[in-house]
Amino acid sequence: MKYSEAIKSLIRKGLDEVNHSSAGHLSLSTRRKILQAINEPCIIGRISILCALKVYPIWNDFFRDDTEIIGLITKTEKYLLGQTSKKDLLKDADHLDMFADDYMEDDITASFAAKVAVHAAYDASSDEDMVISDCDSDEEVEVPDEWDTAFLASLVYNGGVIDLGFIDDERNKEFWSWYLTDCIETACANDRLPYPVFANKATLSVKYIPYRTQLSLWKYNAECRAYVNDIKEVLAKMVAYAQWNKCDFYCYTVESTSYTNIYYYRGNEPVQFRLGINVTIHLSSKVEKLKDLMYSLCPQEGAFYLCKITIDKGNNMNIRFGYDTRYEELKKAFSDSDFSEDFSKYPRAEKFIPDWLADILKRKRISF
């Protein structure tokens, strides 16, 4: 869109306000008037996205090779272009809001940099009137949840997110001058938004993890075998009674919490089956005790996150354990804090720590 004379006039007024403010601040009322003059939801949403991109490097410096937050920013732009649904956008925003909360105690500035992206997603999905409505209140005395995206981004940028008394006035002036010039001009142009070059260059872990003796030692430990046989017996009875070809039992266990899935086969396609609560508790308890015992056999190798047991109609069993891969189910069911707490309970030697876990421990300031 082209700047109207009204928009140009408001921007000039805003720049004058910033330059004459001792704190270099642009008032909420002036920002609202500019957005009301623009009056195009897509442009207003792009302004919020640009605010998120402005402070994204602070998050990326803390959370190396991020794909989560930049993914939400990208999805927000897709929503504005009609390429994804409001439901999917809000689902991701709600998830990443909690994800950012998980790091609040570790680095509050970085966490709020992530939350700016969450706020931008909420802006894009909100009713236009909520974003550009008149507001006479003093934003500096409101609770953080009521700050708009631009103000929150400014606090991340100027150092005031920890304490409003710590705002760097020059950095504040720099942010609001950028907001009134480059930000609004870019948002109004038809060009693709300027994503950081490093944002989509996440690297996969290539660290070599040594073979674990736990994987064979458990077979020679009577107590471990007893727990495995107990689980096998329950699953075998289910396969025989239901006349399945086989079943796959997955138990994901991190710290003191477990999450289970079971799939059965009558042909070649797996079908998810819902276990009763008593059976779930019984099997999870056996797996958790097996985890403790296997860890005790060789603690430096760490403890498993996944136990998968397959039973076929011939009563044959296959069992495997996952120690180093953060499967999708582990990402969905457990937070980074769960994994850091699991490490505190089951510490492992550095050579057995995969890169993704090492990154969590570093961010949580846990030595290894």
Protein backbone atom coordinates (compact mmCIF):
# COMPACT_ATOMS: atom_id res chain seq x y z
CA MET A 1 0.00 0.00 0.00
CA LYS A 2 1.04 3.61 -0.48
CA TYR A 3 1.45 5.93 2.45
CA SER A 4 -1.43 8.34 2.71
CA GLU A 5 -0.72 11.87 3.81
CA ALA A 6 -2.38 11.05 7.14
CA ILE A 7 0.05 8.14 7.72
CA LYS A 8 3.06 10.25 6.73
CA SER A 9 1.93 13.00 9.08
CA LEU A 10 1.52 10.59 11.99
CA ILE A 11 4.96 9.06 11.34
CA ARG A 12 6.55 12.52 11.36
CA LYS A 13 4.71 13.26 14.60
CA GLY A 14 5.91 9.95 16.02
CA LEU A 15 9.55 10.61 15.11
CA ASP A 16 9.33 14.04 16.70
CA GLU A 17 7.84 12.43 19.82
CA VAL A 18 10.66 9.87 20.01
CA ASN A 19 13.38 12.46 19.46
CA HIS A 20 12.00 14.74 22.18
CA SER A 21 11.32 11.96 24.68
CA SER A 22 14.00 11.62 27.35
CA ALA A 23 13.47 7.85 27.17
CA GLY A 24 13.23 7.75 23.36
CA HIS A 25 9.70 6.30 23.66
CA LEU A 26 6.77 6.21 21.23
CA SER A 27 3.48 6.38 23.10
CA LEU A 28 0.78 3.75 22.79
CA SER A 29 -1.76 6.36 21.70
CA THR A 30 0.43 7.45 18.76
CA ARG A 31 1.03 3.83 17.75
CA ARG A 32 -2.71 3.16 17.81
CA LYS A 33 -3.40 6.20 15.61
CA ILE A 34 -0.85 4.99 13.04
CA LEU A 35 -2.37 1.51 12.94
CA GLN A 36 -5.85 2.99 12.63
CA ALA A 37 -4.67 5.10 9.69
CA ILE A 38 -3.17 2.02 8.01
CA ASN A 39 -6.37 0.05 8.70
CA GLU A 40 -5.33 -3.08 6.79
CA PRO A 41 -5.17 -6.31 8.87
CA CYS A 42 -2.46 -7.87 6.70
CA ILE A 43 -0.17 -4.85 7.02
CA ILE A 44 -0.79 -4.59 10.76
CA GLY A 45 0.01 -8.30 11.11
CA ARG A 46 3.23 -7.83 9.13
CA ILE A 47 4.26 -5.04 11.50
CA SER A 48 3.90 -7.43 14.43
CA ILE A 49 5.89 -10.11 12.59
CA LEU A 50 8.67 -7.63 11.87
CA CYS A 51 8.81 -6.76 15.58
CA ALA A 52 9.25 -10.49 16.29
CA LEU A 53 12.01 -10.75 13.67
CA LYS A 54 13.73 -7.68 15.14
CA VAL A 55 14.35 -9.44 18.46
CA TYR A 56 14.52 -13.02 17.16
CA PRO A 57 18.38 -13.02 17.11
CA ILE A 58 18.31 -12.67 20.92
CA TRP A 59 16.37 -15.93 21.15
CA ASN A 60 18.49 -17.63 18.50
CA ASP A 61 21.70 -16.72 20.35
CA PHE A 62 20.27 -18.47 23.41
CA PHE A 63 18.52 -21.36 21.62
CA ARG A 64 21.02 -22.53 19.02
CA ASP A 65 19.60 -23.81 15.73
CA ASP A 66 16.04 -22.89 16.64
CA THR A 67 13.28 -24.12 14.37
CA GLU A 68 10.34 -23.76 16.77
CA ILE A 69 9.99 -19.97 17.13
CA ILE A 70 11.04 -19.14 13.58
CA GLY A 71 8.52 -21.77 12.49
CA LEU A 72 5.75 -19.91 14.32
CA ILE A 73 6.81 -16.60 12.73
CA THR A 74 6.73 -18.24 9.30
CA LYS A 75 3.33 -19.78 10.01
CA THR A 76 1.97 -16.40 11.10
CA GLU A 77 2.94 -14.94 7.72
CA LYS A 78 1.32 -17.93 5.99
CA TYR A 79 -1.88 -17.25 7.96
CA LEU A 80 -1.93 -13.65 6.73
CA LEU A 81 -1.60 -15.01 3.20
CA GLY A 82 -4.47 -17.45 3.75
CA GLN A 83 -2.18 -20.51 3.59
CA THR A 84 -2.98 -21.99 7.01
CA SER A 85 -5.94 -21.99 9.37
CA LYS A 86 -6.54 -19.87 12.45
CA LYS A 87 -6.99 -23.04 14.50
CA ASP A 88 -3.57 -24.40 13.53
CA LEU A 89 -1.89 -21.03 14.13
CA LEU A 90 -3.38 -20.65 17.61
CA LYS A 91 -2.52 -24.25 18.48
CA ASP A 92 1.15 -23.57 17.66
CA ALA A 93 1.09 -20.20 19.43
CA ASP A 94 -0.35 -21.70 22.62
CA HIS A 95 2.24 -24.50 22.56
CA LEU A 96 5.17 -22.13 22.04
CA ASP A 97 3.90 -19.75 24.70
CA MET A 98 4.38 -22.57 27.22
CA PHE A 99 7.65 -23.54 25.52
CA ALA A 100 9.01 -20.01 26.12
CA ASP A 101 7.78 -20.13 29.74
CA ASP A 102 9.94 -23.21 30.24
CA TYR A 103 13.05 -21.03 29.85
CA MET A 104 11.86 -17.99 31.80
CA GLU A 105 14.10 -18.73 34.78
CA ASP A 106 17.10 -19.50 32.58
CA ASP A 107 17.10 -16.37 30.40
CA ILE A 108 14.13 -14.06 30.80
CA THR A 109 15.16 -11.74 27.93
CA ALA A 110 15.51 -14.61 25.47
CA SER A 111 12.22 -16.11 26.64
CA PHE A 112 10.39 -12.83 26.05
CA ALA A 113 12.05 -12.58 22.62
CA ALA A 114 10.29 -15.87 21.86
CA LYS A 115 7.05 -14.55 23.34
CA VAL A 116 7.11 -11.61 20.92
CA ALA A 117 6.60 -14.18 18.15
CA VAL A 118 3.70 -15.64 20.14
CA HIS A 119 2.15 -12.17 20.54
CA ALA A 120 2.57 -11.57 16.78
CA ALA A 121 0.64 -14.77 16.06
CA TYR A 122 -2.15 -13.70 18.42
CA ASP A 123 -2.24 -10.27 16.75
CA ALA A 124 -2.56 -11.83 13.31
CA SER A 125 -5.44 -14.04 14.45
CA SER A 126 -7.24 -11.38 16.51
CA ASP A 127 -10.16 -9.26 15.50
CA GLU A 128 -8.77 -6.09 13.92
CA ASP A 129 -10.57 -3.85 16.41
CA MET A 130 -8.73 -5.49 19.32
CA VAL A 131 -5.35 -4.61 17.81
CA ILE A 132 -6.00 -1.02 16.76
CA SER A 133 -8.61 0.11 19.27
CA ASP A 134 -8.11 3.33 21.22
CA CYS A 135 -6.27 2.88 24.49
CA ASP A 136 -5.81 5.64 27.04
CA SER A 137 -4.14 3.53 29.73
CA ASP A 138 -0.49 3.75 30.74
CA GLU A 139 1.12 0.61 29.32
CA GLU A 140 4.02 0.83 31.76
CA VAL A 141 1.74 0.02 34.67
CA GLU A 142 -0.24 -2.72 32.94
CA VAL A 143 0.54 -6.39 33.36
CA PRO A 144 2.83 -7.87 30.67
CA ASP A 145 0.01 -9.94 29.15
CA GLU A 146 -1.68 -6.66 28.15
CA TRP A 147 1.37 -5.15 26.44
CA ASP A 148 1.13 -4.97 22.69
CA THR A 149 3.64 -6.78 20.49
CA ALA A 150 5.67 -3.69 19.62
CA PHE A 151 6.04 -2.59 23.26
CA LEU A 152 7.11 -6.06 24.36
CA ALA A 153 9.64 -6.18 21.51
CA SER A 154 10.99 -2.79 22.53
CA LEU A 155 11.57 -4.00 26.09
CA VAL A 156 13.42 -7.06 24.85
CA TYR A 157 15.53 -4.82 22.61
CA ASN A 158 16.25 -2.08 25.15
CA GLY A 159 16.87 -4.30 28.21
CA GLY A 160 13.73 -3.29 30.09
CA VAL A 161 11.98 -6.65 30.09
CA ILE A 162 13.60 -7.58 33.42
CA ASP A 163 12.84 -4.24 35.04
CA LEU A 164 11.40 -1.10 33.43
CA GLY A 165 13.96 0.85 35.42
CA PHE A 166 16.77 -0.75 33.41
CA ILE A 167 15.68 0.53 29.99
CA ASP A 168 18.57 1.73 27.81
CA ASP A 169 17.19 5.02 26.49
CA GLU A 170 19.38 5.03 23.38
CA ARG A 171 18.41 1.49 22.46
CA ASN A 172 14.78 2.44 23.05
CA LYS A 173 15.08 5.42 20.73
CA GLU A 174 16.77 3.19 18.14
CA PHE A 175 13.93 0.66 18.28
CA TRP A 176 11.09 3.15 17.94
CA SER A 177 12.86 5.07 15.16
CA TRP A 178 13.20 1.74 13.32
CA TYR A 179 9.52 0.97 13.99
CA LEU A 180 8.38 4.26 12.46
CA THR A 181 10.64 4.01 9.40
CA ASP A 182 12.01 0.67 8.20
CA CYS A 183 9.39 -1.49 9.95
CA ILE A 184 6.30 0.28 8.64
CA GLU A 185 7.82 0.82 5.20
CA THR A 186 8.72 -2.89 4.87
CA ALA A 187 5.31 -3.99 6.16
CA CYS A 188 3.56 -1.84 3.58
CA ALA A 189 5.69 -3.13 0.69
CA ASN A 190 4.79 -6.30 -1.20
CA ASP A 191 8.21 -7.89 -0.74
CA ARG A 192 8.79 -11.04 1.31
CA LEU A 193 9.64 -10.30 4.91
CA PRO A 194 13.39 -10.21 5.71
CA TYR A 195 14.01 -13.48 7.55
CA PRO A 196 17.49 -13.89 9.09
CA VAL A 197 19.87 -15.94 6.97
CA PHE A 198 20.68 -18.32 9.82
CA ALA A 199 17.06 -19.03 10.70
CA ASN A 200 16.58 -22.00 8.39
CA LYS A 201 20.03 -23.53 8.73
CA ALA A 202 19.46 -25.82 11.68
CA THR A 203 21.99 -28.64 11.71
CA LEU A 204 21.26 -32.23 12.57
CA SER A 205 23.25 -33.88 15.33
CA VAL A 206 26.09 -35.98 13.93
CA LYS A 207 27.71 -36.83 17.24
CA TYR A 208 28.83 -40.43 17.53
CA ILE A 209 27.33 -42.20 20.55
CA PRO A 210 29.17 -45.33 21.72
CA TYR A 211 27.44 -48.71 21.95
CA ARG A 212 25.77 -49.26 25.32
CA THR A 213 26.55 -52.42 27.26
CA GLN A 214 23.18 -51.96 29.03
CA LEU A 215 21.53 -53.30 25.88
CA SER A 216 22.97 -56.75 26.50
CA LEU A 217 23.66 -56.70 30.24
CA TRP A 218 19.95 -56.55 31.14
CA LYS A 219 19.47 -59.99 29.57
CA TYR A 220 21.75 -61.56 32.17
CA ASN A 221 20.16 -59.81 35.14
CA ALA A 222 17.38 -61.90 36.68
CA GLU A 223 15.50 -58.89 38.06
CA CYS A 224 15.50 -57.10 34.70
CA ARG A 225 14.34 -60.25 32.91
CA ALA A 226 11.52 -60.64 35.39
CA TYR A 227 10.15 -57.16 34.63
CA VAL A 228 10.43 -57.75 30.87
CA ASN A 229 8.68 -61.12 31.19
CA ASP A 230 5.86 -59.54 33.23
CA ILE A 231 5.27 -57.01 30.44
CA LYS A 232 5.54 -59.72 27.78
CA GLU A 233 2.97 -61.88 29.57
CA VAL A 234 0.36 -59.10 29.64
CA LEU A 235 0.90 -58.22 25.96
CA ALA A 236 0.91 -61.85 24.86
CA LYS A 237 -2.47 -62.43 26.53
CA MET A 238 -3.90 -59.41 24.70
CA VAL A 239 -2.60 -60.65 21.34
CA ALA A 240 -4.02 -64.14 21.90
CA TYR A 241 -7.40 -62.99 23.23
CA ALA A 242 -7.99 -60.39 20.49
CA GLN A 243 -6.50 -62.61 17.78
CA TRP A 244 -4.07 -59.98 16.60
CA ASN A 245 -1.12 -60.80 14.33
CA LYS A 246 1.09 -58.77 16.65
CA CYS A 247 1.20 -55.64 18.79
CA ASP A 248 3.74 -52.85 19.32
CA PHE A 249 3.91 -51.41 22.83
CA TYR A 250 5.67 -48.05 23.27
CA CYS A 251 6.47 -46.60 26.67
CA TYR A 252 8.12 -43.17 26.73
CA THR A 253 9.51 -42.36 30.16
CA VAL A 254 11.23 -39.14 31.20
CA GLU A 255 12.13 -38.34 34.83
CA SER A 256 9.19 -39.81 36.78
CA THR A 257 6.49 -39.59 34.11
CA SER A 258 5.51 -42.12 31.44
CA TYR A 259 3.45 -41.95 28.27
CA THR A 260 2.30 -45.12 26.50
CA ASN A 261 1.01 -46.09 23.07
CA ILE A 262 0.01 -49.52 21.77
CA TYR A 263 -0.76 -50.55 18.20
CA TYR A 264 -2.19 -53.87 17.00
CA TYR A 265 -2.05 -55.56 13.61
CA ARG A 266 -4.62 -57.82 12.00
CA GLY A 267 -3.21 -57.15 8.55
CA ASN A 268 -0.23 -54.98 7.67
CA GLU A 269 -1.52 -51.63 8.93
CA PRO A 270 -1.08 -50.61 12.59
CA VAL A 271 -4.20 -49.56 14.50
CA GLN A 272 -3.94 -47.62 17.74
CA PHE A 273 -5.54 -49.33 20.72
CA ARG A 274 -6.60 -47.63 23.94
CA LEU A 275 -5.37 -49.44 27.02
CA GLY A 276 -7.38 -49.40 30.23
CA ILE A 277 -6.03 -47.16 32.97
CA ASN A 278 -5.15 -50.07 35.29
CA VAL A 279 -3.22 -51.88 32.55
CA THR A 280 -1.44 -48.65 31.59
CA ILE A 281 -0.37 -48.00 35.18
CA HIS A 282 0.77 -51.61 35.60
CA LEU A 283 2.88 -51.67 32.42
CA SER A 284 4.30 -48.16 32.96
CA SER A 285 5.35 -49.11 36.47
CA LYS A 286 7.22 -52.18 35.16
CA VAL A 287 9.02 -50.10 32.51
CA GLU A 288 10.00 -47.42 35.04
CA LYS A 289 11.47 -50.06 37.36
CA LEU A 290 13.27 -51.65 34.42
CA LYS A 291 14.71 -48.25 33.57
CA ASP A 292 16.04 -47.83 37.12
CA LEU A 293 17.59 -51.32 37.13
CA MET A 294 19.24 -51.02 33.72
CA TYR A 295 20.64 -47.65 34.72
CA SER A 296 22.10 -49.15 37.89
CA LEU A 297 23.95 -51.76 35.79
CA CYS A 298 25.93 -49.08 33.95
CA PRO A 299 25.11 -45.52 35.11
CA GLN A 300 27.58 -43.69 32.88
CA GLU A 301 25.54 -44.78 29.84
CA GLY A 302 22.41 -42.96 31.02
CA ALA A 303 18.81 -44.17 31.14
CA PHE A 304 16.48 -44.89 28.22
CA TYR A 305 13.59 -42.62 27.15
CA LEU A 306 11.79 -45.28 25.11
CA CYS A 307 11.09 -48.95 25.62
CA LYS A 308 9.39 -50.62 22.63
CA ILE A 309 8.21 -54.22 22.88
CA THR A 310 6.70 -56.16 19.96
CA ILE A 311 4.83 -59.43 20.55
CA ASP A 312 3.49 -61.59 17.71
CA LYS A 313 0.86 -64.32 17.77
CA GLY A 314 3.61 -66.93 18.06
CA ASN A 315 4.61 -65.33 21.38
CA ASN A 316 7.90 -64.11 19.93
CA MET A 317 9.23 -60.90 21.47
CA ASN A 318 11.42 -58.11 20.16
CA ILE A 319 12.54 -55.35 22.50
CA ARG A 320 14.50 -52.18 21.85
CA PHE A 321 15.42 -49.06 23.80
CA GLY A 322 15.89 -45.43 22.79
CA TYR A 323 18.42 -43.29 24.63
CA ASP A 324 19.52 -40.60 22.20
CA THR A 325 16.69 -39.67 19.81
CA ARG A 326 14.03 -37.17 20.77
CA TYR A 327 11.14 -38.79 18.93
CA GLU A 328 8.06 -36.75 18.00
CA GLU A 329 6.15 -38.32 20.87
CA LEU A 330 8.86 -37.19 23.29
CA LYS A 331 8.67 -33.66 21.90
CA LYS A 332 4.90 -33.55 22.33
CA ALA A 333 4.61 -35.17 25.75
CA PHE A 334 7.66 -33.78 27.57
CA SER A 335 9.19 -30.32 27.96
CA ASP A 336 12.88 -29.43 27.97
CA SER A 337 12.69 -29.11 31.76
CA ASP A 338 11.54 -32.73 31.95
CA PHE A 339 14.71 -33.81 30.16
CA SER A 340 16.97 -31.67 32.34
CA GLU A 341 15.31 -33.16 35.44
CA ASP A 342 15.72 -36.64 33.97
CA PHE A 343 19.44 -35.92 33.53
CA SER A 344 19.68 -34.81 37.16
CA LYS A 345 18.10 -38.11 38.19
CA TYR A 346 20.02 -40.23 35.66
CA PRO A 347 23.27 -38.38 34.85
CA ARG A 348 25.29 -39.82 31.99
CA ALA A 349 28.87 -39.45 30.79
CA GLU A 350 29.45 -36.68 28.26
CA LYS A 351 30.20 -39.14 25.44
CA PHE A 352 26.67 -40.52 25.83
CA ILE A 353 24.97 -37.08 25.69
CA PRO A 354 23.41 -36.35 22.25
CA ASP A 355 23.71 -32.80 20.93
CA TRP A 356 20.04 -31.92 21.50
CA LEU A 357 20.30 -32.91 25.16
CA ALA A 358 23.59 -31.04 25.56
CA ASP A 359 21.90 -27.89 24.23
CA ILE A 360 19.10 -28.22 26.80
CA LEU A 361 21.56 -28.74 29.66
CA LYS A 362 23.59 -25.70 28.59
CA ARG A 363 20.49 -23.52 28.43
CA LYS A 364 19.42 -24.85 31.84
CA ARG A 365 22.95 -24.15 33.14
CA ILE A 366 23.47 -27.77 34.17
CA SER A 367 27.08 -28.89 34.04
CA PHE A 368 28.07 -32.24 32.54
